[in-house]
PDB file of N, CA and C in Angstrom:
ATOM      1  N   GLN A   1      76.132-121.765 -79.971  1.00  0.00           N
ATOM      2  CA  GLN A   1      75.221-120.352 -80.584  1.00  0.00           C
ATOM      3  C   GLN A   1      75.823-119.343 -80.790  1.00  0.00           C
ATOM      4  N   VAL A   2      75.513-118.786 -82.164  1.00  0.00           N
ATOM      5  CA  VAL A   2      76.035-117.165 -82.302  1.00  0.00           C
ATOM      6  C   VAL A   2      74.938-116.344 -82.031  1.00  0.00           C
ATOM      7  N   GLN A   3      75.576-115.506 -81.580  1.00  0.00           N
ATOM      8  CA  GLN A   3      74.759-114.094 -81.229  1.00  0.00           C
ATOM      9  C   GLN A   3      74.891-113.275 -82.264  1.00  0.00           C
ATOM     10  N   LEU A   4      74.348-112.463 -83.017  1.00  0.00           N
ATOM     11  CA  LEU A   4      74.440-111.452 -83.900  1.00  0.00           C
ATOM     12  C   LEU A   4      73.850-110.236 -83.303  1.00  0.00           C
ATOM     13  N   VAL A   5      74.596-108.821 -83.741  1.00  0.00           N
ATOM     14  CA  VAL A   5      73.815-107.548 -83.168  1.00  0.00           C
ATOM     15  C   VAL A   5      74.355-106.779 -84.325  1.00  0.00           C
ATOM     16  N   GLU A   6      73.279-106.045 -84.977  1.00  0.00           N
ATOM     17  CA  GLU A   6      73.681-105.185 -86.069  1.00  0.00           C
ATOM     18  C   GLU A   6      73.411-103.890 -85.508  1.00  0.00           C
ATOM     19  N   SER A   7      74.237-102.738 -86.103  1.00  0.00           N
ATOM     20  CA  SER A   7      73.992-101.646 -85.691  1.00  0.00           C
ATOM     21  C   SER A   7      74.413-100.584 -87.007  1.00  0.00           C
ATOM     22  N   GLY A   8      74.282 -99.209 -86.711  1.00  0.00           N
ATOM     23  CA  GLY A   8      74.782 -98.339 -87.928  1.00  0.00           C
ATOM     24  C   GLY A   8      73.582 -97.941 -88.728  1.00  0.00           C
ATOM     25  N   GLY A   9      72.186 -98.341 -88.667  1.00  0.00           N
ATOM     26  CA  GLY A   9      71.042 -97.940 -89.509  1.00  0.00           C
ATOM     27  C   GLY A   9      70.559 -96.629 -88.887  1.00  0.00           C
ATOM     28  N   GLY A  10      69.939 -95.821 -89.928  1.00  0.00           N
ATOM     29  CA  GLY A  10      69.524 -94.425 -89.687  1.00  0.00           C
ATOM     30  C   GLY A  10      68.695 -94.259 -90.915  1.00  0.00           C
ATOM     31  N   SER A  11      68.448 -92.629 -90.842  1.00  0.00           N
ATOM     32  CA  SER A  11      67.705 -92.187 -91.772  1.00  0.00           C
ATOM     33  C   SER A  11      68.723 -91.175 -92.530  1.00  0.00           C
ATOM     34  N   VAL A  12      68.666 -91.254 -93.959  1.00  0.00           N
ATOM     35  CA  VAL A  12      69.710 -90.415 -94.685  1.00  0.00           C
ATOM     36  C   VAL A  12      68.893 -90.022 -95.779  1.00  0.00           C
ATOM     37  N   GLN A  13      69.320 -88.780 -96.697  1.00  0.00           N
ATOM     38  CA  GLN A  13      68.818 -88.477 -97.642  1.00  0.00           C
ATOM     39  C   GLN A  13      69.396 -89.475 -98.954  1.00  0.00           C
ATOM     40  N   ALA A  14      68.684 -89.420 -99.921  1.00  0.00           N
ATOM     41  CA  ALA A  14      68.953 -90.182-101.265  1.00  0.00           C
ATOM     42  C   ALA A  14      70.299 -89.728-101.762  1.00  0.00           C
ATOM     43  N   GLY A  15      71.471 -90.537-101.856  1.00  0.00           N
ATOM     44  CA  GLY A  15      72.718 -89.961-102.392  1.00  0.00           C
ATOM     45  C   GLY A  15      73.622 -90.235-101.152  1.00  0.00           C
ATOM     46  N   GLY A  16      73.360 -90.213-100.149  1.00  0.00           N
ATOM     47  CA  GLY A  16      73.967 -90.227 -98.913  1.00  0.00           C
ATOM     48  C   GLY A  16      74.770 -91.554 -98.614  1.00  0.00           C
ATOM     49  N   SER A  17      75.160 -91.928 -97.498  1.00  0.00           N
ATOM     50  CA  SER A  17      76.124 -93.154 -97.149  1.00  0.00           C
ATOM     51  C   SER A  17      75.637 -93.698 -95.525  1.00  0.00           C
ATOM     52  N   LEU A  18      75.600 -94.745 -95.684  1.00  0.00           N
ATOM     53  CA  LEU A  18      75.733 -95.125 -94.102  1.00  0.00           C
ATOM     54  C   LEU A  18      76.694 -96.634 -94.041  1.00  0.00           C
ATOM     55  N   ARG A  19      77.009 -97.003 -92.895  1.00  0.00           N
ATOM     56  CA  ARG A  19      77.734 -98.240 -92.669  1.00  0.00           C
ATOM     57  C   ARG A  19      77.237 -99.095 -91.392  1.00  0.00           C
ATOM     58  N   LEU A  20      76.781-100.138 -91.917  1.00  0.00           N
ATOM     59  CA  LEU A  20      76.261-101.131 -91.111  1.00  0.00           C
ATOM     60  C   LEU A  20      77.255-102.024 -90.488  1.00  0.00           C
ATOM     61  N   SER A  21      77.238-102.335 -89.265  1.00  0.00           N
ATOM     62  CA  SER A  21      78.150-103.377 -88.527  1.00  0.00           C
ATOM     63  C   SER A  21      77.243-104.421 -87.920  1.00  0.00           C
ATOM     64  N   CYS A  22      77.794-105.878 -88.058  1.00  0.00           N
ATOM     65  CA  CYS A  22      77.290-106.912 -87.075  1.00  0.00           C
ATOM     66  C   CYS A  22      78.255-107.806 -86.426  1.00  0.00           C
ATOM     67  N   VAL A  23      78.018-107.431 -85.269  1.00  0.00           N
ATOM     68  CA  VAL A  23      79.167-108.100 -83.908  1.00  0.00           C
ATOM     69  C   VAL A  23      78.476-109.333 -83.712  1.00  0.00           C
ATOM     70  N   ALA A  24      79.499-110.637 -83.959  1.00  0.00           N
ATOM     71  CA  ALA A  24      79.092-111.767 -83.515  1.00  0.00           C
ATOM     72  C   ALA A  24      79.779-112.056 -82.093  1.00  0.00           C
ATOM     73  N   SER A  25      79.200-112.560 -81.367  1.00  0.00           N
ATOM     74  CA  SER A  25      79.571-113.291 -80.102  1.00  0.00           C
ATOM     75  C   SER A  25      78.821-114.672 -80.052  1.00  0.00           C
ATOM     76  N   GLY A  26      79.836-115.725 -78.829  1.00  0.00           N
ATOM     77  CA  GLY A  26      79.315-116.935 -78.981  1.00  0.00           C
ATOM     78  C   GLY A  26      80.294-117.764 -79.348  1.00  0.00           C
ATOM     79  N   ARG A  27      80.715-117.461 -80.735  1.00  0.00           N
ATOM     80  CA  ARG A  27      81.706-118.298 -81.300  1.00  0.00           C
ATOM     81  C   ARG A  27      82.554-117.585 -82.639  1.00  0.00           C
ATOM     82  N   THR A  28      83.572-117.974 -82.720  1.00  0.00           N
ATOM     83  CA  THR A  28      84.406-117.257 -83.649  1.00  0.00           C
ATOM     84  C   THR A  28      83.587-117.462 -85.239  1.00  0.00           C
ATOM     85  N   VAL A  29      83.498-116.697 -85.947  1.00  0.00           N
ATOM     86  CA  VAL A  29      82.705-116.700 -86.992  1.00  0.00           C
ATOM     87  C   VAL A  29      83.613-116.752 -88.251  1.00  0.00           C
ATOM     88  N   SER A  30      85.005-116.574 -88.205  1.00  0.00           N
ATOM     89  CA  SER A  30      85.746-116.788 -89.477  1.00  0.00           C
ATOM     90  C   SER A  30      85.427-117.861 -90.422  1.00  0.00           C
ATOM     91  N   CYS A  31      85.079-118.846 -90.117  1.00  0.00           N
ATOM     92  CA  CYS A  31      84.858-119.996 -91.118  1.00  0.00           C
ATOM     93  C   CYS A  31      83.125-120.042 -91.508  1.00  0.00           C
ATOM     94  N   TYR A  32      82.553-119.244 -90.939  1.00  0.00           N
ATOM     95  CA  TYR A  32      81.000-118.918 -91.375  1.00  0.00           C
ATOM     96  C   TYR A  32      80.716-118.101 -92.956  1.00  0.00           C
ATOM     97  N   ALA A  33      79.977-118.338 -93.364  1.00  0.00           N
ATOM     98  CA  ALA A  33      79.290-117.421 -94.548  1.00  0.00           C
ATOM     99  C   ALA A  33      78.776-116.576 -93.681  1.00  0.00           C
ATOM    100  N   MET A  34      78.996-115.300 -94.024  1.00  0.00           N
ATOM    101  CA  MET A  34      78.065-114.235 -93.364  1.00  0.00           C
ATOM    102  C   MET A  34      77.404-113.517 -94.497  1.00  0.00           C
ATOM    103  N   ALA A  35      76.162-113.093 -94.330  1.00  0.00           N
ATOM    104  CA  ALA A  35      75.289-112.184 -95.267  1.00  0.00           C
ATOM    105  C   ALA A  35      74.765-110.975 -94.826  1.00  0.00           C
ATOM    106  N   TRP A  36      73.998-110.193 -95.470  1.00  0.00           N
ATOM    107  CA  TRP A  36      73.369-109.098 -95.497  1.00  0.00           C
ATOM    108  C   TRP A  36      72.146-109.321 -96.074  1.00  0.00           C
ATOM    109  N   PHE A  37      70.733-109.399 -95.597  1.00  0.00           N
ATOM    110  CA  PHE A  37      69.620-109.467 -96.293  1.00  0.00           C
ATOM    111  C   PHE A  37      68.640-108.077 -95.709  1.00  0.00           C
ATOM    112  N   ARG A  38      67.748-107.861 -96.340  1.00  0.00           N
ATOM    113  CA  ARG A  38      67.152-106.754 -95.955  1.00  0.00           C
ATOM    114  C   ARG A  38      65.315-107.195 -96.446  1.00  0.00           C
ATOM    115  N   GLN A  39      64.487-106.433 -95.759  1.00  0.00           N
ATOM    116  CA  GLN A  39      62.986-106.542 -95.548  1.00  0.00           C
ATOM    117  C   GLN A  39      62.139-105.283 -95.467  1.00  0.00           C
ATOM    118  N   VAL A  40      61.442-105.348 -96.529  1.00  0.00           N
ATOM    119  CA  VAL A  40      60.107-104.242 -96.203  1.00  0.00           C
ATOM    120  C   VAL A  40      58.875-104.871 -95.844  1.00  0.00           C
ATOM    121  N   PRO A  41      58.013-104.477 -95.103  1.00  0.00           N
ATOM    122  CA  PRO A  41      56.808-104.886 -94.784  1.00  0.00           C
ATOM    123  C   PRO A  41      56.238-105.500 -95.929  1.00  0.00           C
ATOM    124  N   GLY A  42      55.311-106.577 -95.682  1.00  0.00           N
ATOM    125  CA  GLY A  42      54.689-107.174 -96.882  1.00  0.00           C
ATOM    126  C   GLY A  42      55.561-108.230 -97.988  1.00  0.00           C
ATOM    127  N   LYS A  43      56.743-108.006 -97.831  1.00  0.00           N
ATOM    128  CA  LYS A  43      57.579-108.511 -98.764  1.00  0.00           C
ATOM    129  C   LYS A  43      58.501-109.561 -98.042  1.00  0.00           C
ATOM    130  N   GLU A  44      58.883-110.395 -99.007  1.00  0.00           N
ATOM    131  CA  GLU A  44      59.990-111.592 -98.424  1.00  0.00           C
ATOM    132  C   GLU A  44      61.518-110.963 -98.075  1.00  0.00           C
ATOM    133  N   ARG A  45      62.104-111.419 -97.265  1.00  0.00           N
ATOM    134  CA  ARG A  45      63.416-110.939 -97.194  1.00  0.00           C
ATOM    135  C   ARG A  45      64.238-110.979 -98.368  1.00  0.00           C
ATOM    136  N   GLU A  46      64.816-110.072 -98.762  1.00  0.00           N
ATOM    137  CA  GLU A  46      65.830-109.924 -99.706  1.00  0.00           C
ATOM    138  C   GLU A  46      67.211-110.212 -99.595  1.00  0.00           C
ATOM    139  N   PHE A  47      67.833-111.004-100.457  1.00  0.00           N
ATOM    140  CA  PHE A  47      69.269-110.955-100.340  1.00  0.00           C
ATOM    141  C   PHE A  47      70.039-109.756-100.780  1.00  0.00           C
ATOM    142  N   VAL A  48      70.902-109.230 -99.874  1.00  0.00           N
ATOM    143  CA  VAL A  48      71.830-108.089-100.172  1.00  0.00           C
ATOM    144  C   VAL A  48      73.183-108.392-100.790  1.00  0.00           C
ATOM    145  N   ALA A  49      74.059-109.220 -99.825  1.00  0.00           N
ATOM    146  CA  ALA A  49      75.222-109.376-100.259  1.00  0.00           C
ATOM    147  C   ALA A  49      75.779-110.768 -99.315  1.00  0.00           C
ATOM    148  N   VAL A  50      76.789-111.097 -99.779  1.00  0.00           N
ATOM    149  CA  VAL A  50      77.379-112.300 -99.053  1.00  0.00           C
ATOM    150  C   VAL A  50      78.778-112.231 -98.941  1.00  0.00           C
ATOM    151  N   SER A  51      79.454-112.834 -97.903  1.00  0.00           N
ATOM    152  CA  SER A  51      80.795-113.001 -97.691  1.00  0.00           C
ATOM    153  C   SER A  51      81.372-114.387 -97.301  1.00  0.00           C
ATOM    154  N   ARG A  52      81.815-115.051 -98.104  1.00  0.00           N
ATOM    155  CA  ARG A  52      82.242-116.668 -97.555  1.00  0.00           C
ATOM    156  C   ARG A  52      83.431-116.544 -96.886  1.00  0.00           C
ATOM    157  N   PRO A  53      83.385-117.614 -95.683  1.00  0.00           N
ATOM    158  CA  PRO A  53      84.489-117.605 -95.041  1.00  0.00           C
ATOM    159  C   PRO A  53      85.863-116.732 -95.392  1.00  0.00           C
ATOM    160  N   SER A  54      86.456-116.246 -94.486  1.00  0.00           N
ATOM    161  CA  SER A  54      87.839-115.778 -94.495  1.00  0.00           C
ATOM    162  C   SER A  54      87.670-114.745 -95.558  1.00  0.00           C
ATOM    163  N   GLY A  55      86.484-113.895 -96.039  1.00  0.00           N
ATOM    164  CA  GLY A  55      86.409-112.620 -96.729  1.00  0.00           C
ATOM    165  C   GLY A  55      86.335-113.036 -97.923  1.00  0.00           C
ATOM    166  N   GLY A  56      86.718-114.207 -98.538  1.00  0.00           N
ATOM    167  CA  GLY A  56      86.915-114.230-100.063  1.00  0.00           C
ATOM    168  C   GLY A  56      85.548-114.448-100.780  1.00  0.00           C
ATOM    169  N   ASN A  57      85.434-114.504-101.936  1.00  0.00           N
ATOM    170  CA  ASN A  57      84.299-114.913-102.804  1.00  0.00           C
ATOM    171  C   ASN A  57      82.758-114.012-102.162  1.00  0.00           C
ATOM    172  N   LEU A  58      82.817-112.464-102.826  1.00  0.00           N
ATOM    173  CA  LEU A  58      82.021-111.863-102.516  1.00  0.00           C
ATOM    174  C   LEU A  58      80.983-112.007-103.533  1.00  0.00           C
ATOM    175  N   TRP A  59      79.649-111.873-103.074  1.00  0.00           N
ATOM    176  CA  TRP A  59      78.548-111.778-104.267  1.00  0.00           C
ATOM    177  C   TRP A  59      77.531-110.629-103.694  1.00  0.00           C
ATOM    178  N   TYR A  60      76.905-110.160-104.568  1.00  0.00           N
ATOM    179  CA  TYR A  60      75.947-108.888-104.339  1.00  0.00           C
ATOM    180  C   TYR A  60      74.677-109.290-105.310  1.00  0.00           C
ATOM    181  N   ALA A  61      73.648-108.287-104.745  1.00  0.00           N
ATOM    182  CA  ALA A  61      72.571-108.462-105.427  1.00  0.00           C
ATOM    183  C   ALA A  61      72.642-107.399-106.549  1.00  0.00           C
ATOM    184  N   ASP A  62      71.975-107.515-107.635  1.00  0.00           N
ATOM    185  CA  ASP A  62      72.340-106.922-109.050  1.00  0.00           C
ATOM    186  C   ASP A  62      71.885-105.272-108.368  1.00  0.00           C
ATOM    187  N   SER A  63      70.759-105.064-107.617  1.00  0.00           N
ATOM    188  CA  SER A  63      70.314-103.999-107.468  1.00  0.00           C
ATOM    189  C   SER A  63      71.178-102.989-106.204  1.00  0.00           C
ATOM    190  N   VAL A  64      72.137-103.834-105.672  1.00  0.00           N
ATOM    191  CA  VAL A  64      73.262-102.967-105.036  1.00  0.00           C
ATOM    192  C   VAL A  64      74.728-102.949-105.247  1.00  0.00           C
ATOM    193  N   LYS A  65      74.805-103.729-106.592  1.00  0.00           N
ATOM    194  CA  LYS A  65      76.278-103.705-107.128  1.00  0.00           C
ATOM    195  C   LYS A  65      76.855-102.567-107.534  1.00  0.00           C
ATOM    196  N   GLY A  66      77.836-102.213-107.119  1.00  0.00           N
ATOM    197  CA  GLY A  66      78.641-100.968-107.312  1.00  0.00           C
ATOM    198  C   GLY A  66      78.381 -99.951-106.486  1.00  0.00           C
ATOM    199  N   ARG A  67      77.533-100.149-105.307  1.00  0.00           N
ATOM    200  CA  ARG A  67      77.185 -99.128-104.502  1.00  0.00           C
ATOM    201  C   ARG A  67      77.322 -99.501-103.226  1.00  0.00           C
ATOM    202  N   PHE A  68      77.244-100.893-102.808  1.00  0.00           N
ATOM    203  CA  PHE A  68      77.351-101.444-101.465  1.00  0.00           C
ATOM    204  C   PHE A  68      78.701-102.251-101.629  1.00  0.00           C
ATOM    205  N   THR A  69      79.381-102.525-100.565  1.00  0.00           N
ATOM    206  CA  THR A  69      80.580-103.038-100.299  1.00  0.00           C
ATOM    207  C   THR A  69      80.123-103.870 -99.042  1.00  0.00           C
ATOM    208  N   ILE A  70      80.591-105.512 -99.047  1.00  0.00           N
ATOM    209  CA  ILE A  70      80.448-105.957 -97.699  1.00  0.00           C
ATOM    210  C   ILE A  70      81.951-106.302 -97.475  1.00  0.00           C
ATOM    211  N   SER A  71      82.380-106.340 -96.199  1.00  0.00           N
ATOM    212  CA  SER A  71      83.552-106.709 -95.793  1.00  0.00           C
ATOM    213  C   SER A  71      83.245-107.289 -94.200  1.00  0.00           C
ATOM    214  N   ARG A  72      84.568-108.024 -93.786  1.00  0.00           N
ATOM    215  CA  ARG A  72      84.461-108.641 -92.870  1.00  0.00           C
ATOM    216  C   ARG A  72      85.885-108.237 -92.122  1.00  0.00           C
ATOM    217  N   ASP A  73      86.007-108.357 -90.785  1.00  0.00           N
ATOM    218  CA  ASP A  73      87.215-108.168 -89.740  1.00  0.00           C
ATOM    219  C   ASP A  73      86.809-109.435 -88.975  1.00  0.00           C
ATOM    220  N   ASN A  74      87.765-110.598 -89.375  1.00  0.00           N
ATOM    221  CA  ASN A  74      87.758-111.675 -88.703  1.00  0.00           C
ATOM    222  C   ASN A  74      88.229-111.514 -87.289  1.00  0.00           C
ATOM    223  N   ALA A  75      89.281-110.384 -86.968  1.00  0.00           N
ATOM    224  CA  ALA A  75      90.093-110.609 -85.768  1.00  0.00           C
ATOM    225  C   ALA A  75      89.006-109.779 -84.758  1.00  0.00           C
ATOM    226  N   LYS A  76      87.793-109.142 -85.144  1.00  0.00           N
ATOM    227  CA  LYS A  76      86.946-108.446 -84.443  1.00  0.00           C
ATOM    228  C   LYS A  76      85.722-109.274 -84.332  1.00  0.00           C
ATOM    229  N   ASN A  77      85.424-110.375 -85.213  1.00  0.00           N
ATOM    230  CA  ASN A  77      84.322-111.109 -85.302  1.00  0.00           C
ATOM    231  C   ASN A  77      83.078-110.048 -86.110  1.00  0.00           C
ATOM    232  N   THR A  78      83.409-109.294 -86.932  1.00  0.00           N
ATOM    233  CA  THR A  78      82.681-108.345 -87.352  1.00  0.00           C
ATOM    234  C   THR A  78      82.580-108.199 -88.778  1.00  0.00           C
ATOM    235  N   LEU A  79      80.974-108.206 -89.099  1.00  0.00           N
ATOM    236  CA  LEU A  79      80.903-108.103 -90.603  1.00  0.00           C
ATOM    237  C   LEU A  79      80.193-106.410 -90.672  1.00  0.00           C
ATOM    238  N   TYR A  80      80.663-106.024 -91.928  1.00  0.00           N
ATOM    239  CA  TYR A  80      80.349-104.755 -92.369  1.00  0.00           C
ATOM    240  C   TYR A  80      79.200-104.695 -93.840  1.00  0.00           C
ATOM    241  N   LEU A  81      78.632-103.513 -93.730  1.00  0.00           N
ATOM    242  CA  LEU A  81      78.185-103.348 -95.090  1.00  0.00           C
ATOM    243  C   LEU A  81      78.154-101.724 -95.379  1.00  0.00           C
ATOM    244  N   GLN A  82      79.044-101.242 -96.022  1.00  0.00           N
ATOM    245  CA  GLN A  82      79.357 -99.977 -96.777  1.00  0.00           C
ATOM    246  C   GLN A  82      78.306 -99.594 -97.860  1.00  0.00           C
ATOM    247  N   MET A  83      77.521 -98.805 -97.293  1.00  0.00           N
ATOM    248  CA  MET A  83      76.345 -98.404 -98.454  1.00  0.00           C
ATOM    249  C   MET A  83      76.490 -97.199 -98.914  1.00  0.00           C
ATOM    250  N   ASN A  84      76.740 -96.871-100.182  1.00  0.00           N
ATOM    251  CA  ASN A  84      76.705 -95.524-100.627  1.00  0.00           C
ATOM    252  C   ASN A  84      75.890 -95.505-101.887  1.00  0.00           C
ATOM    253  N   SER A  85      75.780 -94.210-102.102  1.00  0.00           N
ATOM    254  CA  SER A  85      74.627 -93.817-103.076  1.00  0.00           C
ATOM    255  C   SER A  85      73.304 -94.231-102.817  1.00  0.00           C
ATOM    256  N   LEU A  86      72.855 -94.112-101.695  1.00  0.00           N
ATOM    257  CA  LEU A  86      71.670 -94.761-101.356  1.00  0.00           C
ATOM    258  C   LEU A  86      70.381 -94.005-102.129  1.00  0.00           C
ATOM    259  N   MET A  87      69.484 -95.105-102.239  1.00  0.00           N
ATOM    260  CA  MET A  87      68.195 -94.597-102.955  1.00  0.00           C
ATOM    261  C   MET A  87      67.037 -94.807-102.112  1.00  0.00           C
ATOM    262  N   PRO A  88      65.832 -94.243-102.368  1.00  0.00           N
ATOM    263  CA  PRO A  88      64.787 -94.690-101.380  1.00  0.00           C
ATOM    264  C   PRO A  88      64.576 -95.965-101.286  1.00  0.00           C
ATOM    265  N   GLU A  89      64.709 -96.626-102.462  1.00  0.00           N
ATOM    266  CA  GLU A  89      63.897 -98.108-102.482  1.00  0.00           C
ATOM    267  C   GLU A  89      65.187 -99.067-101.840  1.00  0.00           C
ATOM    268  N   ASP A  90      65.944 -98.610-101.464  1.00  0.00           N
ATOM    269  CA  ASP A  90      67.053 -99.185-100.184  1.00  0.00           C
ATOM    270  C   ASP A  90      66.279 -99.121 -98.937  1.00  0.00           C
ATOM    271  N   THR A  91      65.387 -98.433 -98.802  1.00  0.00           N
ATOM    272  CA  THR A  91      64.728 -98.270 -97.226  1.00  0.00           C
ATOM    273  C   THR A  91      64.445 -99.785 -96.756  1.00  0.00           C
ATOM    274  N   ALA A  92      64.624-100.275 -95.925  1.00  0.00           N
ATOM    275  CA  ALA A  92      64.352-101.377 -95.166  1.00  0.00           C
ATOM    276  C   ALA A  92      64.822-101.757 -94.034  1.00  0.00           C
ATOM    277  N   VAL A  93      64.615-103.058 -93.395  1.00  0.00           N
ATOM    278  CA  VAL A  93      65.282-103.485 -91.943  1.00  0.00           C
ATOM    279  C   VAL A  93      66.338-104.623 -92.700  1.00  0.00           C
ATOM    280  N   TYR A  94      67.812-104.062 -92.229  1.00  0.00           N
ATOM    281  CA  TYR A  94      68.588-104.861 -92.361  1.00  0.00           C
ATOM    282  C   TYR A  94      69.135-105.736 -91.613  1.00  0.00           C
ATOM    283  N   TYR A  95      69.331-106.851 -92.152  1.00  0.00           N
ATOM    284  CA  TYR A  95      69.647-108.257 -91.114  1.00  0.00           C
ATOM    285  C   TYR A  95      70.955-108.898 -91.465  1.00  0.00           C
ATOM    286  N   CYS A  96      71.561-109.382 -90.334  1.00  0.00           N
ATOM    287  CA  CYS A  96      72.848-109.902 -90.871  1.00  0.00           C
ATOM    288  C   CYS A  96      72.641-111.362 -90.282  1.00  0.00           C
ATOM    289  N   ALA A  97      73.199-112.151 -91.134  1.00  0.00           N
ATOM    290  CA  ALA A  97      72.863-113.677 -91.079  1.00  0.00           C
ATOM    291  C   ALA A  97      74.229-114.474 -91.069  1.00  0.00           C
ATOM    292  N   ALA A  98      74.499-115.640 -90.591  1.00  0.00           N
ATOM    293  CA  ALA A  98      75.629-116.671 -90.400  1.00  0.00           C
ATOM    294  C   ALA A  98      75.193-117.901 -90.618  1.00  0.00           C
ATOM    295  N   ASP A  99      76.333-118.628 -91.168  1.00  0.00           N
ATOM    296  CA  ASP A  99      76.033-119.913 -90.982  1.00  0.00           C
ATOM    297  C   ASP A  99      77.329-120.897 -91.223  1.00  0.00           C
ATOM    298  N   PRO A 100      77.570-121.705 -90.464  1.00  0.00           N
ATOM    299  CA  PRO A 100      78.830-122.738 -90.527  1.00  0.00           C
ATOM    300  C   PRO A 100      79.043-123.358 -91.705  1.00  0.00           C
ATOM    301  N   SER A 101      77.973-124.104 -92.259  1.00  0.00           N
ATOM    302  CA  SER A 101      78.269-124.913 -93.343  1.00  0.00           C
ATOM    303  C   SER A 101      76.764-124.601 -94.562  1.00  0.00           C
ATOM    304  N   ILE A 102      77.336-123.837 -95.413  1.00  0.00           N
ATOM    305  CA  ILE A 102      76.247-123.472 -96.315  1.00  0.00           C
ATOM    306  C   ILE A 102      77.029-123.975 -97.730  1.00  0.00           C
ATOM    307  N   ILE A 103      76.219-124.638 -98.621  1.00  0.00           N
ATOM    308  CA  ILE A 103      76.972-124.674-100.093  1.00  0.00           C
ATOM    309  C   ILE A 103      76.712-123.468-100.900  1.00  0.00           C
ATOM    310  N   GLN A 104      77.331-123.434-101.654  1.00  0.00           N
ATOM    311  CA  GLN A 104      77.476-122.243-102.638  1.00  0.00           C
ATOM    312  C   GLN A 104      76.015-121.970-103.309  1.00  0.00           C
ATOM    313  N   SER A 105      75.457-123.208-103.796  1.00  0.00           N
ATOM    314  CA  SER A 105      74.076-122.620-104.332  1.00  0.00           C
ATOM    315  C   SER A 105      72.971-121.875-103.560  1.00  0.00           C
ATOM    316  N   SER A 106      73.311-122.220-102.265  1.00  0.00           N
ATOM    317  CA  SER A 106      72.329-121.768-101.090  1.00  0.00           C
ATOM    318  C   SER A 106      72.736-120.177-100.562  1.00  0.00           C
ATOM    319  N   LEU A 107      73.857-119.747-100.934  1.00  0.00           N
ATOM    320  CA  LEU A 107      74.031-118.451-100.247  1.00  0.00           C
ATOM    321  C   LEU A 107      73.531-117.357-100.094  1.00  0.00           C
ATOM    322  N   LYS A 108      72.580-117.188-101.330  1.00  0.00           N
ATOM    323  CA  LYS A 108      71.457-115.996-101.490  1.00  0.00           C
ATOM    324  C   LYS A 108      70.262-116.491-100.959  1.00  0.00           C
ATOM    325  N   ARG A 109      70.020-117.616-100.289  1.00  0.00           N
ATOM    326  CA  ARG A 109      68.768-118.113 -99.613  1.00  0.00           C
ATOM    327  C   ARG A 109      68.611-117.633 -98.434  1.00  0.00           C
ATOM    328  N   SER A 110      67.811-117.077 -98.035  1.00  0.00           N
ATOM    329  CA  SER A 110      67.606-116.652 -96.355  1.00  0.00           C
ATOM    330  C   SER A 110      67.463-117.890 -95.543  1.00  0.00           C
ATOM    331  N   GLU A 111      66.707-118.993 -95.822  1.00  0.00           N
ATOM    332  CA  GLU A 111      66.207-120.241 -95.411  1.00  0.00           C
ATOM    333  C   GLU A 111      67.474-120.921 -94.830  1.00  0.00           C
ATOM    334  N   ALA A 112      68.702-120.715 -95.432  1.00  0.00           N
ATOM    335  CA  ALA A 112      69.765-121.794 -95.376  1.00  0.00           C
ATOM    336  C   ALA A 112      70.681-121.004 -94.252  1.00  0.00           C
ATOM    337  N   TYR A 113      70.483-119.879 -93.693  1.00  0.00           N
ATOM    338  CA  TYR A 113      71.138-119.571 -92.775  1.00  0.00           C
ATOM    339  C   TYR A 113      70.723-119.704 -91.046  1.00  0.00           C
ATOM    340  N   ALA A 114      71.412-120.217 -90.557  1.00  0.00           N
ATOM    341  CA  ALA A 114      70.912-120.334 -89.163  1.00  0.00           C
ATOM    342  C   ALA A 114      70.680-119.544 -88.100  1.00  0.00           C
ATOM    343  N   TYR A 115      71.876-118.497 -88.391  1.00  0.00           N
ATOM    344  CA  TYR A 115      72.069-117.339 -87.368  1.00  0.00           C
ATOM    345  C   TYR A 115      71.468-116.284 -88.009  1.00  0.00           C
ATOM    346  N   TRP A 116      70.762-115.305 -87.020  1.00  0.00           N
ATOM    347  CA  TRP A 116      70.568-113.841 -87.608  1.00  0.00           C
ATOM    348  C   TRP A 116      70.223-112.949 -86.344  1.00  0.00           C
ATOM    349  N   GLY A 117      70.556-111.625 -86.882  1.00  0.00           N
ATOM    350  CA  GLY A 117      70.600-110.569 -85.978  1.00  0.00           C
ATOM    351  C   GLY A 117      68.972-110.164 -85.879  1.00  0.00           C
ATOM    352  N   GLN A 118      68.952-108.926 -85.067  1.00  0.00           N
ATOM    353  CA  GLN A 118      67.503-108.379 -84.828  1.00  0.00           C
ATOM    354  C   GLN A 118      67.208-107.447 -85.664  1.00  0.00           C
ATOM    355  N   GLY A 119      68.047-107.049 -86.675  1.00  0.00           N
ATOM    356  CA  GLY A 119      67.821-106.114 -87.762  1.00  0.00           C
ATOM    357  C   GLY A 119      68.118-104.297 -87.307  1.00  0.00           C
ATOM    358  N   THR A 120      68.571-103.814 -88.319  1.00  0.00           N
ATOM    359  CA  THR A 120      68.540-102.653 -87.938  1.00  0.00           C
ATOM    360  C   THR A 120      67.923-101.737 -89.121  1.00  0.00           C
ATOM    361  N   GLN A 121      67.270-100.521 -88.776  1.00  0.00           N
ATOM    362  CA  GLN A 121      66.111 -99.866 -89.781  1.00  0.00           C
ATOM    363  C   GLN A 121      67.018 -98.858 -90.690  1.00  0.00           C
ATOM    364  N   VAL A 122      66.965 -99.084 -92.025  1.00  0.00           N
ATOM    365  CA  VAL A 122      67.562 -97.870 -92.732  1.00  0.00           C
ATOM    366  C   VAL A 122      66.600 -97.428 -93.479  1.00  0.00           C
ATOM    367  N   SER A 123      66.567 -95.701 -93.461  1.00  0.00           N
ATOM    368  CA  SER A 123      65.360 -95.290 -94.162  1.00  0.00           C
ATOM    369  C   SER A 123      66.039 -94.067 -94.960  1.00  0.00           C
ATOM    370  N   VAL A 124      65.846 -94.187 -96.336  1.00  0.00           N
ATOM    371  CA  VAL A 124      66.399 -93.171 -97.159  1.00  0.00           C
ATOM    372  C   VAL A 124      64.989 -92.287 -97.960  1.00  0.00           C
ATOM    373  N   SER A 125      65.345 -90.741 -97.409  1.00  0.00           N
ATOM    374  CA  SER A 125      64.497 -90.068 -97.848  1.00  0.00           C
ATOM    375  C   SER A 125      64.724 -89.315 -99.273  1.00  0.00           C
ATOM    376  N   SER A 126      63.751 -89.154-100.272  1.00  0.00           N
ATOM    377  CA  SER A 126      63.881 -88.492-101.439  1.00  0.00           C
ATOM    378  C   SER A 126      64.237 -87.172-101.556  1.00  0.00           C
TER     379      SER A 126
END
């Protein structure tokens, strides 16, 4: 079993920055695909960014491309999401997800991930 704990959320004004962290425990996740999703009330969970094992092959949602950066420190079993130029539409609960065996075509699908964190709230005001 893998436990994921997110932190770093908060309230910022538009144009500001936040850095989210997701610490994994229970198993080493260097061989896991790890991703960030976000969700607002009444909507489905939305893909944000994904890092394949060992940090290679990064993909982003078009809505965050150029503003968000996903990275991982396998020595610390930690995933990060650096969020710059935040906009009010980025307001959501952000979730960390991990899976040890996921095919490329499923990397952006929330239902493909076995492990999830509890989420951290990000609020961006205009």
